Amino acid sequence: PFACTMLLSRRLYPQAPGHKLGTLAAFHALPAAGRAHRALADAEVAAALLGRIQADLCSRFGLAAAGHSLLMAVQACQRHALDAAVQRHLAAAGSATTPAPIIPPHTLQERASWAC
């Protein structure tokens, strides 16, 4: 099972001008991670976008965290059924699940310190 930032963004951001990684990064003013279509740069931007998606889900629905199972439910629903899908997921999950932490977007300076 996987969470796809493109599928998630289509559900959450229908007003975005497009749903390619670079377009969504510009739409959300995410920090540039370097040259596009380079594995590390694209992975860093995708991680920042996923963090933004999780934060937006938390904000919109009053959640403490948006874990992987919620992301799976959101990407599988139709755009007009987003609210109902989240409510169904939360009702089914109850309090028995432990949500995954939100992945925070990182600054370029932080990323620079990760270099090996």
Protein backbone atom coordinates (compact mmCIF):
# COMPACT_ATOMS: atom_id res chain seq x y z
CA PRO A 1 0.00 0.00 0.00
CA PHE A 2 1.24 3.46 -0.88
CA ALA A 3 0.23 7.07 -0.45
CA CYS A 4 0.43 9.07 -3.67
CA THR A 5 0.91 12.83 -3.40
CA MET A 6 -0.67 13.33 -6.82
CA LEU A 7 -3.85 11.41 -5.94
CA LEU A 8 -4.03 13.13 -2.56
CA SER A 9 -3.53 16.57 -4.05
CA ARG A 10 -6.28 15.98 -6.60
CA ARG A 11 -8.68 15.35 -3.70
CA LEU A 12 -7.49 18.17 -1.46
CA TYR A 13 -6.48 20.90 -3.91
CA PRO A 14 -8.85 20.89 -6.89
CA GLN A 15 -8.14 24.62 -7.27
CA ALA A 16 -4.43 24.00 -7.97
CA PRO A 17 -3.37 24.87 -11.53
CA GLY A 18 -2.03 21.33 -11.98
CA HIS A 19 -1.02 18.29 -9.97
CA LYS A 20 2.54 17.67 -11.08
CA LEU A 21 5.11 17.82 -8.30
CA GLY A 22 6.69 21.09 -9.46
CA THR A 23 3.32 22.77 -9.96
CA LEU A 24 2.14 21.75 -6.50
CA ALA A 25 5.42 22.84 -4.92
CA ALA A 26 5.01 26.29 -6.47
CA PHE A 27 1.30 26.40 -5.54
CA HIS A 28 2.16 25.77 -1.87
CA ALA A 29 5.36 27.85 -1.96
CA LEU A 30 7.42 24.86 -0.82
CA PRO A 31 11.17 25.42 -0.76
CA ALA A 32 13.03 24.33 -3.87
CA ALA A 33 15.30 21.40 -3.18
CA GLY A 34 17.52 21.76 -6.21
CA ARG A 35 17.18 20.82 -9.82
CA ALA A 36 13.86 19.18 -10.70
CA HIS A 37 13.85 15.60 -11.97
CA ARG A 38 16.84 14.70 -9.82
CA ALA A 39 16.08 11.86 -7.42
CA LEU A 40 17.11 13.58 -4.19
CA ALA A 41 15.56 16.93 -5.07
CA ASP A 42 12.27 15.36 -6.14
CA ALA A 43 12.20 13.13 -3.03
CA GLU A 44 12.71 16.14 -0.75
CA VAL A 45 9.98 18.15 -2.47
CA ALA A 46 7.63 15.14 -2.37
CA ALA A 47 8.30 14.72 1.36
CA ALA A 48 7.59 18.41 1.96
CA LEU A 49 4.38 18.13 -0.07
CA LEU A 50 3.31 15.06 1.89
CA GLY A 51 3.93 16.96 5.11
CA ARG A 52 1.81 19.82 3.80
CA ILE A 53 -0.98 17.42 2.83
CA GLN A 54 -0.92 15.87 6.30
CA ALA A 55 -0.94 19.28 7.97
CA ASP A 56 -3.83 20.46 5.79
CA LEU A 57 -5.84 17.34 6.61
CA CYS A 58 -5.21 17.89 10.32
CA SER A 59 -6.20 21.53 10.08
CA ARG A 60 -9.28 20.96 7.94
CA PHE A 61 -10.67 18.08 10.00
CA GLY A 62 -9.35 18.98 13.46
CA LEU A 63 -7.06 15.95 13.70
CA ALA A 64 -4.01 15.46 15.86
CA ALA A 65 -2.28 13.54 13.05
CA ALA A 66 -2.98 12.21 9.56
CA GLY A 67 -1.58 8.69 9.39
CA HIS A 68 -1.01 6.40 6.46
CA SER A 69 -4.40 4.68 6.68
CA LEU A 70 -6.18 8.03 6.46
CA LEU A 71 -4.07 9.01 3.45
CA MET A 72 -5.04 5.73 1.80
CA ALA A 73 -8.73 6.43 2.44
CA VAL A 74 -8.47 9.98 1.10
CA GLN A 75 -6.70 9.01 -2.12
CA ALA A 76 -9.25 6.26 -2.78
CA CYS A 77 -12.33 8.48 -2.47
CA GLN A 78 -13.89 10.73 -5.05
CA ARG A 79 -13.17 14.44 -4.73
CA HIS A 80 -16.75 15.39 -3.88
CA ALA A 81 -16.88 12.66 -1.20
CA LEU A 82 -13.76 13.73 0.72
CA ASP A 83 -15.52 14.89 3.89
CA ALA A 84 -17.65 11.74 4.09
CA ALA A 85 -14.63 9.49 3.44
CA VAL A 86 -12.64 11.11 6.25
CA GLN A 87 -15.57 10.83 8.66
CA ARG A 88 -16.08 7.16 7.71
CA HIS A 89 -12.40 6.46 8.22
CA LEU A 90 -12.34 8.17 11.61
CA ALA A 91 -15.47 6.32 12.75
CA ALA A 92 -14.02 2.97 11.63
CA ALA A 93 -10.63 3.66 13.19
CA GLY A 94 -12.02 4.79 16.53
CA SER A 95 -9.41 5.36 19.20
CA ALA A 96 -7.68 2.00 18.66
CA THR A 97 -5.17 3.29 16.13
CA THR A 98 -1.98 5.18 16.76
CA PRO A 99 -1.60 7.89 14.13
CA ALA A 100 1.68 8.44 12.34
CA PRO A 101 3.49 11.72 13.03
CA ILE A 102 3.21 14.60 10.60
CA ILE A 103 6.29 14.93 8.41
CA PRO A 104 7.39 18.57 8.73
CA PRO A 105 8.66 20.45 5.71
CA HIS A 106 12.33 21.25 6.16
CA THR A 107 14.28 24.33 5.34
CA LEU A 108 17.07 24.27 2.81
CA GLN A 109 19.58 24.94 5.59
CA GLU A 110 18.40 21.88 7.51
CA ARG A 111 18.61 19.77 4.36
CA ALA A 112 22.13 21.01 3.69
CA SER A 113 23.20 19.61 7.07
CA TRP A 114 21.98 16.14 6.01
CA ALA A 115 24.66 15.85 3.32
CA CYS A 116 27.01 12.93 3.88
